[in-house]
C-alpha atoms as a PDB file:
ATOM      1  CA  MET A   1     -34.951-118.735  16.024  1.00  0.00           C
ATOM      2  CA  ARG A   2     -37.909-119.335  13.792  1.00  0.00           C
ATOM      3  CA  PRO A   3     -38.225-120.578  10.246  1.00  0.00           C
ATOM      4  CA  ARG A   4     -39.040-118.121   7.481  1.00  0.00           C
ATOM      5  CA  TRP A   5     -42.333-119.288   5.948  1.00  0.00           C
ATOM      6  CA  LEU A   6     -42.776-118.355   2.309  1.00  0.00           C
ATOM      7  CA  PHE A   7     -46.097-116.645   1.572  1.00  0.00           C
ATOM      8  CA  ALA A   8     -46.543-113.172   0.216  1.00  0.00           C
ATOM      9  CA  GLY A   9     -42.973-112.944  -0.984  1.00  0.00           C
ATOM     10  CA  LEU A  10     -41.508-113.111   2.499  1.00  0.00           C
ATOM     11  CA  MET A  11     -37.830-112.876   3.284  1.00  0.00           C
ATOM     12  CA  CYS A  12     -36.864-111.596  -0.129  1.00  0.00           C
ATOM     13  CA  SER A  13     -33.728-109.528  -0.122  1.00  0.00           C
ATOM     14  CA  GLY A  14     -33.762-105.829   0.662  1.00  0.00           C
ATOM     15  CA  LEU A  15     -33.069-105.211  -3.022  1.00  0.00           C
ATOM     16  CA  ALA A  16     -35.820-107.550  -4.171  1.00  0.00           C
ATOM     17  CA  CYS A  17     -38.620-106.189  -1.993  1.00  0.00           C
ATOM     18  CA  GLY A  18     -38.907-102.931  -3.884  1.00  0.00           C
ATOM     19  CA  PRO A  19     -41.251-102.225  -6.813  1.00  0.00           C
ATOM     20  CA  GLN A  20     -41.274-105.633  -8.449  1.00  0.00           C
ATOM     21  CA  VAL A  21     -43.806-107.767 -10.183  1.00  0.00           C
ATOM     22  CA  GLY A  22     -44.622-111.237  -8.896  1.00  0.00           C
ATOM     23  CA  GLY A  23     -45.034-114.597 -10.499  1.00  0.00           C
ATOM     24  CA  GLY A  24     -41.862-114.356 -12.595  1.00  0.00           C
ATOM     25  CA  GLY A  25     -42.920-111.266 -14.551  1.00  0.00           C
ATOM     26  CA  ASP A  26     -40.680-109.595 -17.109  1.00  0.00           C
ATOM     27  CA  GLY A  27     -40.159-106.492 -14.987  1.00  0.00           C
ATOM     28  CA  ASP A  28     -41.762-104.069 -17.452  1.00  0.00           C
ATOM     29  CA  GLY A  29     -43.744-102.357 -14.695  1.00  0.00           C
ATOM     30  CA  ASP A  30     -47.155-103.496 -15.913  1.00  0.00           C
ATOM     31  CA  GLY A  31     -48.201-104.898 -12.524  1.00  0.00           C
ATOM     32  CA  THR A  32     -48.196-108.537 -13.560  1.00  0.00           C
ATOM     33  CA  GLY A  33     -47.635-109.603  -9.980  1.00  0.00           C
ATOM     34  CA  ALA A  34     -51.337-108.975  -9.320  1.00  0.00           C
ATOM     35  CA  SER A  35     -54.292-110.147 -11.330  1.00  0.00           C
ATOM     36  CA  SER A  36     -57.400-108.023 -11.652  1.00  0.00           C
ATOM     37  CA  SER A  37     -60.629-109.874 -11.036  1.00  0.00           C
ATOM     38  CA  GLY A  38     -63.234-107.361 -12.004  1.00  0.00           C
ATOM     39  CA  ALA A  39     -64.292-104.029 -10.581  1.00  0.00           C
ATOM     40  CA  GLY A  40     -61.761-101.934  -8.730  1.00  0.00           C
ATOM     41  CA  SER A  41     -61.892-101.670  -4.989  1.00  0.00           C
ATOM     42  CA  GLY A  42     -63.657 -98.808  -3.368  1.00  0.00           C
ATOM     43  CA  GLY A  43     -61.909 -95.890  -1.797  1.00  0.00           C
ATOM     44  CA  THR A  44     -58.464 -97.334  -1.100  1.00  0.00           C
ATOM     45  CA  GLY A  45     -56.755 -96.636  -4.414  1.00  0.00           C
ATOM     46  CA  GLN A  46     -56.153-100.336  -5.088  1.00  0.00           C
ATOM     47  CA  GLU A  47     -56.927-101.359  -8.665  1.00  0.00           C
ATOM     48  CA  ALA A  48     -56.911-105.115  -8.165  1.00  0.00           C
ATOM     49  CA  THR A  49     -59.059-107.331  -5.984  1.00  0.00           C
ATOM     50  CA  SER A  50     -56.764-110.337  -6.110  1.00  0.00           C
ATOM     51  CA  VAL A  51     -53.047-110.986  -5.873  1.00  0.00           C
ATOM     52  CA  SER A  52     -51.335-113.832  -7.685  1.00  0.00           C
ATOM     53  CA  VAL A  53     -49.250-116.320  -5.763  1.00  0.00           C
ATOM     54  CA  GLY A  54     -46.520-118.138  -7.643  1.00  0.00           C
ATOM     55  CA  GLY A  55     -45.416-121.675  -6.857  1.00  0.00           C
ATOM     56  CA  THR A  56     -41.797-122.737  -6.452  1.00  0.00           C
ATOM     57  CA  ALA A  57     -39.973-125.940  -7.245  1.00  0.00           C
ATOM     58  CA  ASP A  58     -39.688-126.975  -3.596  1.00  0.00           C
ATOM     59  CA  GLY A  59     -43.423-126.913  -2.942  1.00  0.00           C
ATOM     60  CA  THR A  60     -43.524-123.581  -1.144  1.00  0.00           C
ATOM     61  CA  THR A  61     -45.467-120.527  -2.298  1.00  0.00           C
ATOM     62  CA  SER A  62     -44.527-116.908  -2.795  1.00  0.00           C
ATOM     63  CA  MET A  63     -46.415-113.753  -3.750  1.00  0.00           C
ATOM     64  CA  GLY A  64     -45.253-110.760  -5.773  1.00  0.00           C
ATOM     65  CA  THR A  65     -45.286-107.251  -4.369  1.00  0.00           C
ATOM     66  CA  SER A  66     -47.327-105.498  -7.035  1.00  0.00           C
ATOM     67  CA  VAL A  67     -51.019-104.677  -6.687  1.00  0.00           C
ATOM     68  CA  GLY A  68     -52.826-102.701  -9.365  1.00  0.00           C
ATOM     69  CA  SER A  69     -50.490-100.370 -11.218  1.00  0.00           C
ATOM     70  CA  SER A  70     -48.193 -99.481  -8.336  1.00  0.00           C
ATOM     71  CA  ALA A  71     -45.974-101.662  -6.171  1.00  0.00           C
ATOM     72  CA  SER A  72     -45.002 -98.791  -3.900  1.00  0.00           C
ATOM     73  CA  ALA A  73     -48.427 -97.433  -2.998  1.00  0.00           C
ATOM     74  CA  GLY A  74     -48.098 -98.646   0.582  1.00  0.00           C
ATOM     75  CA  THR A  75     -45.185 -96.330   1.329  1.00  0.00           C
ATOM     76  CA  ALA A  76     -46.951 -93.067   0.467  1.00  0.00           C
ATOM     77  CA  GLY A  77     -46.811 -90.692   3.415  1.00  0.00           C
ATOM     78  CA  CYS A  78     -44.263 -92.770   5.316  1.00  0.00           C
ATOM     79  CA  VAL A  79     -41.511 -90.926   7.154  1.00  0.00           C
ATOM     80  CA  ASP A  80     -38.049 -92.444   7.505  1.00  0.00           C
ATOM     81  CA  ASP A  81     -37.317 -92.385  11.229  1.00  0.00           C
ATOM     82  CA  GLY A  82     -33.890 -93.904  10.781  1.00  0.00           C
ATOM     83  CA  SER A  83     -34.908 -97.239  12.285  1.00  0.00           C
ATOM     84  CA  ASP A  84     -34.211-100.539  10.559  1.00  0.00           C
ATOM     85  CA  ASP A  85     -37.473-102.438  10.920  1.00  0.00           C
ATOM     86  CA  GLY A  86     -37.786-103.649   7.350  1.00  0.00           C
ATOM     87  CA  VAL A  87     -36.959-106.919   5.679  1.00  0.00           C
ATOM     88  CA  LYS A  88     -33.350-107.971   6.152  1.00  0.00           C
ATOM     89  CA  LEU A  89     -31.087-109.032   3.306  1.00  0.00           C
ATOM     90  CA  ASP A  90     -31.488-112.778   2.780  1.00  0.00           C
ATOM     91  CA  VAL A  91     -28.169-114.182   1.591  1.00  0.00           C
ATOM     92  CA  GLY A  92     -29.402-117.759   1.864  1.00  0.00           C
ATOM     93  CA  PRO A  93     -28.203-120.562   4.131  1.00  0.00           C
ATOM     94  CA  PRO A  94     -24.872-122.359   3.812  1.00  0.00           C
ATOM     95  CA  ASP A  95     -24.791-125.657   1.957  1.00  0.00           C
ATOM     96  CA  PRO A  96     -26.633-128.332   3.968  1.00  0.00           C
ATOM     97  CA  GLU A  97     -24.874-131.394   5.293  1.00  0.00           C
ATOM     98  CA  CYS A  98     -27.768-133.713   4.462  1.00  0.00           C
ATOM     99  CA  ASP A  99     -31.268-133.947   2.979  1.00  0.00           C
ATOM    100  CA  ILE A 100     -34.351-134.258   5.206  1.00  0.00           C
ATOM    101  CA  PHE A 101     -36.410-136.030   2.555  1.00  0.00           C
ATOM    102  CA  ALA A 102     -33.632-138.371   1.368  1.00  0.00           C
ATOM    103  CA  GLN A 103     -32.351-138.995   4.932  1.00  0.00           C
ATOM    104  CA  ASP A 104     -28.915-139.641   3.471  1.00  0.00           C
ATOM    105  CA  CYS A 105     -26.896-139.725   6.697  1.00  0.00           C
ATOM    106  CA  GLU A 106     -24.841-142.803   7.559  1.00  0.00           C
ATOM    107  CA  ALA A 107     -26.435-145.667   9.469  1.00  0.00           C
ATOM    108  CA  GLY A 108     -27.405-144.759  13.024  1.00  0.00           C
ATOM    109  CA  PHE A 109     -27.770-141.062  12.197  1.00  0.00           C
ATOM    110  CA  LYS A 110     -30.654-138.886  11.028  1.00  0.00           C
ATOM    111  CA  CYS A 111     -30.888-135.571   9.186  1.00  0.00           C
ATOM    112  CA  VAL A 112     -32.469-132.701  11.157  1.00  0.00           C
ATOM    113  CA  PRO A 113     -32.511-128.885  10.953  1.00  0.00           C
ATOM    114  CA  ASP A 114     -29.984-127.045  13.073  1.00  0.00           C
ATOM    115  CA  GLY A 115     -31.043-123.490  13.876  1.00  0.00           C
ATOM    116  CA  PHE A 116     -33.299-123.213  10.790  1.00  0.00           C
ATOM    117  CA  TRP A 117     -30.221-122.429   8.707  1.00  0.00           C
ATOM    118  CA  VAL A 118     -28.536-125.758   8.079  1.00  0.00           C
ATOM    119  CA  ARG A 119     -29.309-129.457   8.162  1.00  0.00           C
ATOM    120  CA  VAL A 120     -26.964-131.770  10.019  1.00  0.00           C
ATOM    121  CA  CYS A 121     -26.557-135.478  10.717  1.00  0.00           C
ATOM    122  CA  VAL A 122     -27.011-136.377  14.395  1.00  0.00           C
ATOM    123  CA  PRO A 123     -27.074-139.768  16.140  1.00  0.00           C
ATOM    124  CA  VAL A 124     -30.478-141.404  16.534  1.00  0.00           C
ATOM    125  CA  ALA A 125     -31.352-141.306  20.245  1.00  0.00           C
ATOM    126  CA  GLU A 126     -31.090-144.631  22.062  1.00  0.00           C
ATOM    127  CA  MET A 127     -34.252-143.883  24.082  1.00  0.00           C
ATOM    128  CA  PRO A 128     -36.123-141.448  21.834  1.00  0.00           C
ATOM    129  CA  LEU A 129     -39.012-139.270  22.914  1.00  0.00           C
ATOM    130  CA  ALA A 130     -42.395-139.775  21.243  1.00  0.00           C
ATOM    131  CA  ASP A 131     -43.986-137.248  18.910  1.00  0.00           C
ATOM    132  CA  GLY A 132     -45.807-134.576  20.901  1.00  0.00           C
ATOM    133  CA  GLU A 133     -43.507-134.828  23.913  1.00  0.00           C
ATOM    134  CA  PRO A 134     -41.602-131.745  25.099  1.00  0.00           C
ATOM    135  CA  CYS A 135     -37.915-131.808  24.277  1.00  0.00           C
ATOM    136  CA  THR A 136     -34.644-129.913  24.548  1.00  0.00           C
ATOM    137  CA  ARG A 137     -31.683-130.011  22.207  1.00  0.00           C
ATOM    138  CA  SER A 138     -27.955-129.732  22.644  1.00  0.00           C
ATOM    139  CA  PRO A 139     -25.461-129.272  19.798  1.00  0.00           C
ATOM    140  CA  GLY A 140     -24.970-132.432  17.758  1.00  0.00           C
ATOM    141  CA  SER A 141     -27.965-134.293  19.181  1.00  0.00           C
ATOM    142  CA  ASP A 142     -31.736-134.625  18.937  1.00  0.00           C
ATOM    143  CA  PRO A 143     -33.782-136.557  21.537  1.00  0.00           C
ATOM    144  CA  CYS A 144     -36.770-137.349  19.289  1.00  0.00           C
ATOM    145  CA  GLY A 145     -37.451-140.459  17.213  1.00  0.00           C
ATOM    146  CA  ASP A 146     -35.677-141.510  14.034  1.00  0.00           C
ATOM    147  CA  GLY A 147     -38.158-139.745  11.725  1.00  0.00           C
ATOM    148  CA  SER A 148     -38.807-136.784  14.010  1.00  0.00           C
ATOM    149  CA  TRP A 149     -37.222-133.504  15.093  1.00  0.00           C
ATOM    150  CA  CYS A 150     -37.143-131.397  18.258  1.00  0.00           C
ATOM    151  CA  GLY A 151     -38.575-128.114  17.000  1.00  0.00           C
ATOM    152  CA  LEU A 152     -41.332-125.533  17.510  1.00  0.00           C
ATOM    153  CA  PHE A 153     -39.520-124.057  20.491  1.00  0.00           C
ATOM    154  CA  ASP A 154     -41.338-122.069  23.147  1.00  0.00           C
ATOM    155  CA  HIS A 155     -38.601-119.574  23.935  1.00  0.00           C
ATOM    156  CA  GLU A 156     -40.178-118.537  27.233  1.00  0.00           C
ATOM    157  CA  LEU A 157     -40.040-122.126  28.495  1.00  0.00           C
ATOM    158  CA  ASP A 158     -36.944-123.034  26.456  1.00  0.00           C
ATOM    159  CA  LEU A 159     -38.709-126.220  25.381  1.00  0.00           C
ATOM    160  CA  GLY A 160     -39.477-127.668  21.986  1.00  0.00           C
ATOM    161  CA  THR A 161     -41.860-130.382  20.831  1.00  0.00           C
ATOM    162  CA  CYS A 162     -41.058-133.607  19.007  1.00  0.00           C
ATOM    163  CA  VAL A 163     -42.693-133.434  15.575  1.00  0.00           C
ATOM    164  CA  PRO A 164     -42.496-135.859  12.640  1.00  0.00           C
ATOM    165  CA  GLN A 165     -40.469-134.689   9.661  1.00  0.00           C
ATOM    166  CA  CYS A 166     -42.005-134.826   6.197  1.00  0.00           C
ATOM    167  CA  GLN A 167     -41.246-137.757   3.930  1.00  0.00           C
ATOM    168  CA  GLY A 168     -41.581-138.125   0.168  1.00  0.00           C
ATOM    169  CA  SER A 169     -40.119-135.118  -1.654  1.00  0.00           C
ATOM    170  CA  PRO A 170     -40.418-131.308  -1.477  1.00  0.00           C
ATOM    171  CA  ALA A 171     -42.724-131.369  -4.503  1.00  0.00           C
ATOM    172  CA  ALA A 172     -44.851-134.227  -3.108  1.00  0.00           C
ATOM    173  CA  PRO A 173     -44.402-134.279   0.683  1.00  0.00           C
ATOM    174  CA  GLU A 174     -45.975-136.993   2.817  1.00  0.00           C
ATOM    175  CA  CYS A 175     -47.156-136.796   6.425  1.00  0.00           C
ATOM    176  CA  PRO A 176     -49.218-138.919   8.825  1.00  0.00           C
ATOM    177  CA  ALA A 177     -52.994-138.727   8.519  1.00  0.00           C
ATOM    178  CA  GLN A 178     -54.639-135.499   9.693  1.00  0.00           C
ATOM    179  CA  THR A 179     -51.421-133.489   9.343  1.00  0.00           C
ATOM    180  CA  ILE A 180     -49.842-131.358   6.603  1.00  0.00           C
ATOM    181  CA  CYS A 181     -46.230-130.712   5.640  1.00  0.00           C
ATOM    182  CA  VAL A 182     -44.805-127.297   6.526  1.00  0.00           C
ATOM    183  CA  ILE A 183     -41.733-126.417   4.420  1.00  0.00           C
ATOM    184  CA  ASP A 184     -39.696-123.272   4.981  1.00  0.00           C
ATOM    185  CA  ASP A 185     -38.472-121.079   2.125  1.00  0.00           C
ATOM    186  CA  GLU A 186     -35.054-122.719   1.865  1.00  0.00           C
ATOM    187  CA  SER A 187     -36.394-126.261   2.478  1.00  0.00           C
ATOM    188  CA  VAL A 188     -34.199-126.427   5.584  1.00  0.00           C
ATOM    189  CA  VAL A 189     -37.187-127.286   7.778  1.00  0.00           C
ATOM    190  CA  ALA A 190     -39.906-129.708   6.685  1.00  0.00           C
ATOM    191  CA  PHE A 191     -42.170-131.036   9.433  1.00  0.00           C
ATOM    192  CA  CYS A 192     -45.707-132.347   9.840  1.00  0.00           C
ATOM    193  CA  GLN A 193     -48.228-130.191  11.671  1.00  0.00           C
ATOM    194  CA  ARG A 194     -51.945-130.301  12.240  1.00  0.00           C
ATOM    195  CA  PRO A 195     -54.055-128.189   9.859  1.00  0.00           C
ATOM    196  CA  CYS A 196     -56.187-125.334  11.137  1.00  0.00           C
ATOM    197  CA  ASP A 197     -58.906-122.863  10.212  1.00  0.00           C
ATOM    198  CA  PRO A 198     -57.517-119.289  10.157  1.00  0.00           C
ATOM    199  CA  PHE A 199     -60.867-117.963  11.400  1.00  0.00           C
ATOM    200  CA  ALA A 200     -61.259-120.453  14.258  1.00  0.00           C
ATOM    201  CA  ASP A 201     -59.372-120.787  17.518  1.00  0.00           C
ATOM    202  CA  ASP A 202     -57.666-124.016  16.462  1.00  0.00           C
ATOM    203  CA  CYS A 203     -54.095-123.362  17.575  1.00  0.00           C
ATOM    204  CA  GLY A 204     -54.329-122.310  21.211  1.00  0.00           C
ATOM    205  CA  THR A 205     -51.503-119.843  21.845  1.00  0.00           C
ATOM    206  CA  ASP A 206     -50.016-120.510  18.392  1.00  0.00           C
ATOM    207  CA  THR A 207     -51.061-118.898  15.110  1.00  0.00           C
ATOM    208  CA  CYS A 208     -52.776-120.405  12.070  1.00  0.00           C
ATOM    209  CA  GLN A 209     -50.624-119.516   9.049  1.00  0.00           C
ATOM    210  CA  PRO A 210     -50.518-120.491   5.350  1.00  0.00           C
ATOM    211  CA  THR A 211     -48.187-123.192   4.065  1.00  0.00           C
ATOM    212  CA  SER A 212     -47.813-124.829   0.670  1.00  0.00           C
ATOM    213  CA  GLN A 213     -50.162-127.613   1.821  1.00  0.00           C
ATOM    214  CA  GLY A 214     -52.811-125.486   3.546  1.00  0.00           C
ATOM    215  CA  PHE A 215     -53.054-123.672   6.874  1.00  0.00           C
ATOM    216  CA  GLY A 216     -51.044-125.047   9.789  1.00  0.00           C
ATOM    217  CA  CYS A 217     -50.391-124.095  13.411  1.00  0.00           C
ATOM    218  CA  LEU A 218     -47.102-122.259  13.982  1.00  0.00           C
ATOM    219  CA  PRO A 219     -45.689-120.390  16.988  1.00  0.00           C
ATOM    220  CA  SER A 220     -47.362-116.995  17.217  1.00  0.00           C
ATOM    221  CA  GLY A 221     -45.485-113.717  16.876  1.00  0.00           C
ATOM    222  CA  ALA A 222     -46.224-110.433  18.624  1.00  0.00           C
ATOM    223  CA  GLN A 223     -46.492-108.036  15.669  1.00  0.00           C
ATOM    224  CA  GLN A 224     -49.908-106.406  15.254  1.00  0.00           C
ATOM    225  CA  ALA A 225     -51.759-105.103  12.184  1.00  0.00           C
ATOM    226  CA  GLY A 226     -49.631-102.466  10.455  1.00  0.00           C
ATOM    227  CA  ASP A 227     -46.424-103.494  12.210  1.00  0.00           C
ATOM    228  CA  GLY A 228     -43.388-104.481  10.158  1.00  0.00           C
ATOM    229  CA  CYS A 229     -42.717-108.216   9.871  1.00  0.00           C
ATOM    230  CA  GLN A 230     -40.107-110.528   8.403  1.00  0.00           C
ATOM    231  CA  GLN A 231     -41.966-113.847   8.292  1.00  0.00           C
ATOM    232  CA  GLN A 232     -45.457-115.260   8.723  1.00  0.00           C
ATOM    233  CA  ASP A 233     -44.996-116.202  12.356  1.00  0.00           C
ATOM    234  CA  SER A 234     -43.792-112.679  13.152  1.00  0.00           C
ATOM    235  CA  CYS A 235     -47.481-111.720  13.115  1.00  0.00           C
ATOM    236  CA  ALA A 236     -50.063-112.407  15.792  1.00  0.00           C
ATOM    237  CA  ASP A 237     -52.898-114.830  15.111  1.00  0.00           C
ATOM    238  CA  GLY A 238     -55.334-113.677  12.424  1.00  0.00           C
ATOM    239  CA  LEU A 239     -52.716-111.702  10.464  1.00  0.00           C
ATOM    240  CA  PHE A 240     -50.679-112.283   7.292  1.00  0.00           C
ATOM    241  CA  CYS A 241     -47.215-110.834   6.599  1.00  0.00           C
ATOM    242  CA  ILE A 242     -47.762-108.971   3.307  1.00  0.00           C
ATOM    243  CA  PRO A 243     -45.456-106.886   1.030  1.00  0.00           C
ATOM    244  CA  ALA A 244     -45.801-103.122   1.443  1.00  0.00           C
ATOM    245  CA  GLY A 245     -46.805-102.632  -2.203  1.00  0.00           C
ATOM    246  CA  ALA A 246     -50.036-104.535  -1.582  1.00  0.00           C
ATOM    247  CA  LEU A 247     -51.036-102.448   1.447  1.00  0.00           C
ATOM    248  CA  GLN A 248     -51.947 -98.905   2.396  1.00  0.00           C
ATOM    249  CA  ASP A 249     -49.840 -97.163   5.040  1.00  0.00           C
ATOM    250  CA  CYS A 250     -47.180 -99.852   5.356  1.00  0.00           C
ATOM    251  CA  CYS A 251     -43.894 -98.131   6.156  1.00  0.00           C
ATOM    252  CA  SER A 252     -41.794-101.294   6.235  1.00  0.00           C
ATOM    253  CA  GLY A 253     -40.804-103.778   3.549  1.00  0.00           C
ATOM    254  CA  THR A 254     -43.614-106.046   4.710  1.00  0.00           C
ATOM    255  CA  CYS A 255     -46.392-105.506   7.270  1.00  0.00           C
ATOM    256  CA  CYS A 256     -48.937-107.586   9.166  1.00  0.00           C
ATOM    257  CA  ALA A 257     -52.462-107.361   7.733  1.00  0.00           C
ATOM    258  CA  PRO A 258     -55.762-108.941   8.855  1.00  0.00           C
ATOM    259  CA  ILE A 259     -56.974-112.120   7.151  1.00  0.00           C
ATOM    260  CA  CYS A 260     -60.361-111.960   5.426  1.00  0.00           C
ATOM    261  CA  ASP A 261     -62.738-113.779   3.084  1.00  0.00           C
ATOM    262  CA  ASP A 262     -66.315-113.385   1.848  1.00  0.00           C
ATOM    263  CA  THR A 263     -67.787-114.354   5.215  1.00  0.00           C
ATOM    264  CA  HIS A 264     -65.182-112.503   7.289  1.00  0.00           C
ATOM    265  CA  PRO A 265     -65.059-108.996   5.766  1.00  0.00           C
ATOM    266  CA  CYS A 266     -62.529-106.318   6.615  1.00  0.00           C
ATOM    267  CA  ALA A 267     -63.376-103.749   9.277  1.00  0.00           C
ATOM    268  CA  VAL A 268     -61.257-101.267   7.298  1.00  0.00           C
ATOM    269  CA  GLY A 269     -60.120-101.483   3.675  1.00  0.00           C
ATOM    270  CA  ASP A 270     -60.856-104.075   1.017  1.00  0.00           C
ATOM    271  CA  CYS A 271     -60.321-107.826   1.038  1.00  0.00           C
ATOM    272  CA  VAL A 272     -57.648-108.606  -1.568  1.00  0.00           C
ATOM    273  CA  ARG A 273     -57.836-112.261  -2.519  1.00  0.00           C
ATOM    274  CA  VAL A 274     -54.726-114.412  -2.741  1.00  0.00           C
ATOM    275  CA  GLU A 275     -54.625-116.533  -5.888  1.00  0.00           C
ATOM    276  CA  PRO A 276     -54.060-119.397  -5.841  1.00  0.00           C
ATOM    277  CA  ALA A 277     -55.114-119.655  -2.231  1.00  0.00           C
ATOM    278  CA  PRO A 278     -53.553-122.163   0.164  1.00  0.00           C
ATOM    279  CA  PRO A 279     -55.211-125.554  -0.458  1.00  0.00           C
ATOM    280  CA  GLY A 280     -58.657-125.763   1.121  1.00  0.00           C
ATOM    281  CA  SER A 281     -58.883-122.005   1.679  1.00  0.00           C
ATOM    282  CA  GLU A 282     -60.236-120.667  -1.592  1.00  0.00           C
ATOM    283  CA  GLY A 283     -61.344-117.047  -1.305  1.00  0.00           C
ATOM    284  CA  ILE A 284     -58.868-116.232   1.469  1.00  0.00           C
ATOM    285  CA  GLY A 285     -57.320-112.791   1.374  1.00  0.00           C
ATOM    286  CA  PHE A 286     -55.926-109.922   3.398  1.00  0.00           C
ATOM    287  CA  CYS A 287     -57.262-106.483   4.279  1.00  0.00           C
ATOM    288  CA  SER A 288     -55.558-103.785   2.265  1.00  0.00           C
END
């Protein structure tokens, strides 16, 4: 299982991914989820050249589904084939047993994610593995150090990696030098990962994806441009998971779209900027 990374309004419910406005709009259909930044785009029918991203209380980011005057433009011409490849209903996780940032388990235990849905208290390993070492987990245990977690599983090898968990708070997370805090959309998972450049080959077989603190390396998905997606790491490297209303010819609730900026233009379509961009990546956008 993989965490659901919030960016571009991911993992909203099936009812919430329809024609909505982003950024906490009043729902009057005026397209407030996107902000126009000048001249309209050429030839694609999009009226805006930027899309607003709204912050949340837990330090994650989310983006509304509306671009220009229509939040459903991406579904024009789509044919319902009866398949269910859209965004699934997100009912939210059960109440957590503990808090990763507070580490409020009893002495000798630590708080770690369990299946990306809940957080549980597990005993601190007597001979813990170091950060960066491969690891495996069994129910009720975690072999990594007191402040770390066995995550980022390679499902082909059935192995994870020990990674440090974020400290501080969701609004002001702290990580070791040269790393950033990756927080999932329910704050179930919060771990430290190295930053990356989305246009460089920084992540090996992983993918460079946006987080609330900048771009970080996450396990890469297999979905290609135009394919339906449910989370950022559903998409292959170089792609964002974007709401259908911001794209042309997206026949799912959300679809993978190429990343772009001023120096990396789109081969097809226009580069729609994300505002505010992930820290350190001003001007980043996706190809509509």
